[in-house]
Amino acid sequence: MIDETQEELKARLAMLRTEHRDLDDVIATLAEKAPLDQIQMQRLKKRKLLLKDQISKLENILLPDIIA
């Protein structure tokens, strides 16, 4: 990840944010269905959390905290 340029990191961040939003829609749709598939719901939520962690890491790389 260190070798990636700022533009590559920004593109990856945008892709991860899009996938994260898409998972929101899928989870909401799945929640409306009866009967609820708990295993699939858990997998989707785990994936969403993983994406959130990756997004946070990239944001920290692109915008590091500067203590003045």
C-alpha atoms as a PDB file:
ATOM      1  CA  MET A   1       0.000   0.000   0.000  1.00  0.00           C
ATOM      2  CA  ILE A   2       2.966   2.306   0.545  1.00  0.00           C
ATOM      3  CA  ASP A   3       3.901   2.207  -3.151  1.00  0.00           C
ATOM      4  CA  GLU A   4       0.480   3.412  -4.283  1.00  0.00           C
ATOM      5  CA  THR A   5       0.159   7.007  -5.406  1.00  0.00           C
ATOM      6  CA  GLN A   6      -2.313   9.451  -3.920  1.00  0.00           C
ATOM      7  CA  GLU A   7      -4.566   9.092  -6.967  1.00  0.00           C
ATOM      8  CA  GLU A   8      -4.596   5.294  -6.706  1.00  0.00           C
ATOM      9  CA  LEU A   9      -5.449   5.528  -3.026  1.00  0.00           C
ATOM     10  CA  LYS A  10      -8.272   7.983  -3.742  1.00  0.00           C
ATOM     11  CA  ALA A  11      -9.644   5.717  -6.478  1.00  0.00           C
ATOM     12  CA  ARG A  12      -9.520   2.711  -4.152  1.00  0.00           C
ATOM     13  CA  LEU A  13     -11.213   4.728  -1.411  1.00  0.00           C
ATOM     14  CA  ALA A  14     -14.022   5.723  -3.781  1.00  0.00           C
ATOM     15  CA  MET A  15     -14.480   2.094  -4.837  1.00  0.00           C
ATOM     16  CA  LEU A  16     -14.658   0.927  -1.210  1.00  0.00           C
ATOM     17  CA  ARG A  17     -17.182   3.641  -0.321  1.00  0.00           C
ATOM     18  CA  THR A  18     -19.355   2.624  -3.258  1.00  0.00           C
ATOM     19  CA  GLU A  19     -19.260  -1.042  -2.251  1.00  0.00           C
ATOM     20  CA  HIS A  20     -20.068  -0.047   1.352  1.00  0.00           C
ATOM     21  CA  ARG A  21     -23.145   1.927   0.179  1.00  0.00           C
ATOM     22  CA  ASP A  22     -24.213  -0.938  -2.080  1.00  0.00           C
ATOM     23  CA  LEU A  23     -24.047  -3.328   0.870  1.00  0.00           C
ATOM     24  CA  ASP A  24     -26.357  -0.980   2.796  1.00  0.00           C
ATOM     25  CA  ASP A  25     -28.939  -1.372   0.042  1.00  0.00           C
ATOM     26  CA  VAL A  26     -28.542  -5.152  -0.108  1.00  0.00           C
ATOM     27  CA  ILE A  27     -28.844  -5.483   3.675  1.00  0.00           C
ATOM     28  CA  ALA A  28     -31.966  -3.295   3.731  1.00  0.00           C
ATOM     29  CA  THR A  29     -33.561  -5.329   0.934  1.00  0.00           C
ATOM     30  CA  LEU A  30     -32.702  -8.604   2.635  1.00  0.00           C
ATOM     31  CA  ALA A  31     -34.135  -7.347   5.948  1.00  0.00           C
ATOM     32  CA  GLU A  32     -37.482  -6.670   4.276  1.00  0.00           C
ATOM     33  CA  LYS A  33     -37.808 -10.235   3.023  1.00  0.00           C
ATOM     34  CA  ALA A  34     -39.564 -12.854   5.095  1.00  0.00           C
ATOM     35  CA  PRO A  35     -38.062 -15.285   6.125  1.00  0.00           C
ATOM     36  CA  LEU A  36     -34.826 -13.567   7.027  1.00  0.00           C
ATOM     37  CA  ASP A  37     -31.609 -15.390   6.065  1.00  0.00           C
ATOM     38  CA  GLN A  38     -29.520 -14.807   9.207  1.00  0.00           C
ATOM     39  CA  ILE A  39     -26.331 -16.382   7.862  1.00  0.00           C
ATOM     40  CA  GLN A  40     -26.333 -14.272   4.715  1.00  0.00           C
ATOM     41  CA  MET A  41     -27.146 -11.173   6.778  1.00  0.00           C
ATOM     42  CA  GLN A  42     -24.201 -11.856   9.110  1.00  0.00           C
ATOM     43  CA  ARG A  43     -21.830 -12.322   6.174  1.00  0.00           C
ATOM     44  CA  LEU A  44     -22.961  -9.084   4.569  1.00  0.00           C
ATOM     45  CA  LYS A  45     -22.572  -7.168   7.824  1.00  0.00           C
ATOM     46  CA  LYS A  46     -19.095  -8.613   8.388  1.00  0.00           C
ATOM     47  CA  ARG A  47     -18.112  -7.578   4.872  1.00  0.00           C
ATOM     48  CA  LYS A  48     -19.492  -4.104   5.522  1.00  0.00           C
ATOM     49  CA  LEU A  49     -17.433  -3.798   8.730  1.00  0.00           C
ATOM     50  CA  LEU A  50     -14.318  -4.948   6.887  1.00  0.00           C
ATOM     51  CA  LEU A  51     -14.933  -2.306   4.236  1.00  0.00           C
ATOM     52  CA  LYS A  52     -15.419   0.330   6.932  1.00  0.00           C
ATOM     53  CA  ASP A  53     -12.058  -0.601   8.463  1.00  0.00           C
ATOM     54  CA  GLN A  54     -10.339  -0.432   5.078  1.00  0.00           C
ATOM     55  CA  ILE A  55     -11.960   2.941   4.373  1.00  0.00           C
ATOM     56  CA  SER A  56     -10.738   4.276   7.723  1.00  0.00           C
ATOM     57  CA  LYS A  57      -7.187   3.085   7.056  1.00  0.00           C
ATOM     58  CA  LEU A  58      -7.095   4.735   3.637  1.00  0.00           C
ATOM     59  CA  GLU A  59      -8.552   7.964   5.019  1.00  0.00           C
ATOM     60  CA  ASN A  60      -5.848   8.000   7.693  1.00  0.00           C
ATOM     61  CA  ILE A  61      -3.166   7.535   5.038  1.00  0.00           C
ATOM     62  CA  LEU A  62      -4.586  10.294   2.835  1.00  0.00           C
ATOM     63  CA  LEU A  63      -5.421  12.708   5.684  1.00  0.00           C
ATOM     64  CA  PRO A  64      -3.111  12.013   8.618  1.00  0.00           C
ATOM     65  CA  ASP A  65      -3.775  13.728  11.929  1.00  0.00           C
ATOM     66  CA  ILE A  66      -1.438  16.671  12.310  1.00  0.00           C
ATOM     67  CA  ILE A  67      -0.833  17.786  15.852  1.00  0.00           C
ATOM     68  CA  ALA A  68       0.226  21.423  15.913  1.00  0.00           C
END
